[in-house]
Structures are given as C-alpha cells and as structure tokens.
Amino acid sequence: MNMGRLMRWIPLMLVVVMAVSVASRMRGPAVDADGVDWNAVGSLAVSAEGRTKPLDTFARSALLRMSGRQSLPARGEQPSMTAVQWVMELMAAGDAETQKRAISREVFRIDHPDLRALFGLPESDVHGRRTRYALSELMARLPEMANQVDMAKAVPAKQQDMFQRQVLGLNDRVMLYLAIAQWEAPLAVAPLASGQEWRPLVMTAGPMVGGDASTKAWHSMLESLSAGDGATLTRVAREYGETLRGALPGAARASSNEVVFNRAAPFVNAAAVYVFAAVLALLGLLVTTVSGKSDSAWGGVLRRSGLWMVGLAFLVQTIGLVARVVLQGRPPVTNLYSSAVFIGWACVPLAFMVERMVRVGIGTIVASVIGFSTLIVAHNLGASGDTMEAMQAVLDSNFWLATHVVVVTIGYSATFLAGFLAMAYILLGVFTPALRGDLKKTLPKGIYGVVCFATVMSFFGTVLGGIWADQSWGRFWGWDPKENGAALIVLINLIILHARWGGMIKERGIAVLAVFGNIVTAWSWFGTNMLGVGLHSYGFISSAVFWIVAFDLSMVAVMLVAAVPVRHWRSFREGVLESRVGGAVATA
C-alpha cells in the first residue's frame, strides 16, 4: 500500500482504535481476589433521594459529593477502591478492626486553608500534597466544627462568607457519611410484600434481624464482608438479586441497566474524545497554515481525523443521552446537569454544518471545545448529588420538558456556538494570517446563519415557556429572572440581526456582538439560578459564581482584542503575502 492510500485510511483507523478503547470500558469487572462479585452487589436496588436506584449509583453519588471522585485511588498502604466497595465497607464496620480501616479512608475533600486549620490538618505528607482527609483525622475537632456550623447558620445565606459556606458543606458531607455508617442511608430494605415501603437498615437492627428476605440478605452480606468471606457475600448478593427481580422486576431491571450506564461513563469518554479531536483539528489547521498549501496532505489527514473523532464523541454522547432518557423516563433536559450535557451535544451538528462551509477545521475545533467544556460543567454539577433525582414539581411535565425546555436549550446552544465561532474569527484574525481569502467571508456567514437559527429557537422556546407558565401559574409572563434571561437571549440575537440588516455592523461587529451573546447566555442559563429567587431558581450552586465571572471576563477580553484596528490584524495586515498563505486555509 503506497503512502497516499495509507493516509486516506488514517482517520478511520484512529476512530476504530478510539471506539474499541471506549467500548472496552463497558466490560463488567471480574470477581476480585477475595471472590466478591462487586457487579452483583452494586446492581442491588436501594432507594435514596426520592427514587429507586442501584447501590452503585448511590455509592458513586455519595463519594463524589464527599471527595469529588467516584472511586478511591491507592495511597500509601491503602489499595484503590470502587465506590461500592467503599460504601459496603463503611456499612459493614461492625468490629473494631473493620471500623478502624473504614474511618481511615481519605474521603473528605477540604481545600479551604481556614477549614484545614480548624482541624489542624496538614497540607502535605510523605505521599505529597493533600486535599482529602479521613474521618479519623476530623473526629477530635468535630465539636468545634459544630460550633462553627451554628454560627454560620445564624447568618443569612446570601451574607455567608466562603469559610462559612465551606463549613456548612463539610457538615453536610459528614452527616451523609455518618448516615451511611449508621445504616440510615440508603433505604436498603426493599418492599418485597404488598403495602411495605423502602426502609433504612437501621430499622431492622437488634431483635428485628430475623425479618424478611431483604433484611436477612443485607445482614448476611455485611457480616460476610466483615469476616472476609467473599464467596458467601457473592452468593447472597446474587440470590438477593434474584429475589428483587421476582418481587420488583421493573426496579431490578432498571438498576442493572443503570450499573452498565455508570460503568460505561459515556460522558467522561466523550469528553476525552473531544479533547483528542480538538488536538487533531488544531494540528491540521497549524500544518495547513504554516505550509501555506491548501492541499497539504498531512493537514488534510489531521483535519479529517479531528472531524471523524468529533463524530465518534457525538455518537458516544448521543448514546449516553438516550440511555438517560430511557433510565429516567424523561426528556433529555430535566435539570442543570442534563442541560449542560444537552447544550454541548446540540452544538455539534450545527458545528458540522459550519465546517462544511469553511472546511478548515474551525467547526471541528469549536464543536470539540464546546462539547468538552459543557461536559466538564456537567461533571462538576454532578458532584452535588444524583443527576437523575426526582423532578421538582415546577418541572414535572414530560410534554413541556420535551417542547419548551428542549427548544429553548437548543436556542442556548446555537447562541453559544455563534459566540465561539465569533471568538475564532477574532482570535484568528488578530493573531494569525489564517483569516484570509474565502475564510474571511465564509466564517462570518456561518456566524450569521447560526444567529438566525438561534433567534428562531430561542424565540419559540420562550413563547412555549410562557404558555406553560400560563397553564401552571395562570400568567404568561411574571418577570421571573429565568424568564427575563430567556427574553434577553432573544433580544441579543435580534439586535445582531437588526444591526446587520441595517448596515450598522459588518463582519467584525457581528463577531463582537456574538461574543457578547455568550455573556448573556451564560447569565440566562446559569446566572439566574445564582440569584436564589424566582420560580425557576432550582439549581443554586454558590461555587459557580466565580466561574461565571471568569467566563464573562474572558469574553470581555476577546471583545477588547477585537477593538484592535483592522489594519493591525495580522490576517489583514499589509504586507502579508497572499502567496505565503496563498488563501491556503481559506480554500482548503
């Protein structure tokens, strides 16, 4: 096979290798050295936060809230542990030895220096820098933390400083930890008989041990784990799983499927593929620009490889979204977490259309950056708890979730995409010679087209929201911050179109206003929740304030860069020979 034919197959080969790597993560874990089938244990259905879920999901959510991770890495003499292993060990800590081992796991992430000082915690040890600590290190100072918690609670939420919020957050995590250790969470005892409800295991302690099959199974599993009898633990877990499948077939089947979803981690895998795609597309753009050849062979290979890789990431993300819809029985957007996943996902096909226009890799790069960024936002939002929690009453309508929420979120996605394309226009124009020839014309056209689409979707999404509000609350418009934010997105898009149609702005003006649209959209999507007021304030996360401000400042910085006179933009500077770049990037 000659080199030319081999290069044509490189994008496909890279995608196949990456796809195999992603698929390999879906394999079930083998039985460990102690003979424990943790997949069988993790698939057992429990109840927590208002819904039935596998123990695996409960354990992952709890550990993520405490340590910011879904597993415990090896540290010193402590081996690595999965979330299920950790939560079972904590629940089984009956004897002194098991209890000592359980409370020595470093699961509490503490970053605030004053909070570390409160507990006298070191910032490093022989293993390196430390941000996570064990309950055994906190126990001596918990009474002092209780005093700080009382003082923090006496301060109105909006007036609390960072230390007080951190104290309250740590207190919540310690309470959850103790609830697990004391069998108060999750609700592990299943309602196997008619009229029963999910119950915590603590209600079956003592004289109640000899209760139903669920109670017996849980006590047997925990005693087996404490005794190091992995074979019995596995046998009981599998038998109890069969009991659940007979008594609660729907919940048991959903739990098994959710464990597969957790193990596959489609959004984590998609984020990794987006990064790889961005690197390939950037290298392709760099090679094409530096070589000055529109038909640069390696530039084309890298660009196509990036495009194919984005396609793979989009496919993995789509599978994850569909799986969530099936598992949750809801449309794809139900909370801030799912909105972050959906916004990035919706941008990708739009970016593909732009890529077909410009054909230099910019659409691929923007799709990768937005896809990766929104999945990182979603990952951090997931640290606050179960991402498939029971719906709040204000959103409990599949019809409106599938219409208003989906349409308005697509409007958010398109406005973000226009803003990021505009950033590419400004940064490429000012700092590189790439924005020349056809690209100088087609990229602004792409931004304009996306803005048109964003206007339509955000307008109809807002109107649909008003109709929903009229049906739910008896009024079309209530000047709620979220409603005002949606209207602002419509307005910024209309302003761009009006200014363009009226001849008040040209390519650079469209780009600057589209970047400003990022600020408006970030505020409407996230910022309105930070206010803590209004009927739509259902996703307050105090830590997001810093990142919103940082994002807005970065957008302002890009807008200031665009203020550089066009004659000083490197792409438009006199003396930059067309032959050097030869319109190469533009016509690639």
Foldseek 3Di string as FASTA:
>chain_A
DDPLVVLVCVLVVVLVVLVVVLVVLLDQDDQDPLRARVLLQQLAWFDDLADIAGVLQQLQLLLCLFAVGQWAPDDDPRHTGGSSRLLLLLQLCPDPVSPVVNQFRFRHFADDPVVCVLLVHDQADPRGGDRTGGNVSRVVRVVVLVVLQVVLVVDPPVPHDPVNVRSVSSVVSVVVSVCSNLQVPDLQQPCQDPPDDRHTLNVCPDPNCPDDLRSVLSVQLSNCVVVSNNNSNRVSSNVVLVSCCVRPVVSSVLNSLVSSLVSSVLLVSLLVLLVVLLVLLVVLLVVLQQQLALPPSSSLSSLVSSLVSNVSSLVSLVVSQVSLCVSLVAHQDQDLLSLLSLLLSLLLVLLVVLCVQQVQNLSSNLSSVSSNVSSVVSSVLSSVGRPSRDGDPLRPDRVLCNQLVNLLSSLLSLLVSLQSLLLVLLCCQAPHQLCDDQNVPSSLVSSLVSLVSSLVSLVRSLQSCLVSCCVVPVGSDDVQLLSVLSVVLNVLSVVLVVCVVVVVDDSLVSSLSSLVSNLSSLCNSPVSLCVVDGPPNDRHDVVCVVVSVVSNVVSVVSSVSSVPPSCNGPNNDPPPDCSSSVCSSRVD
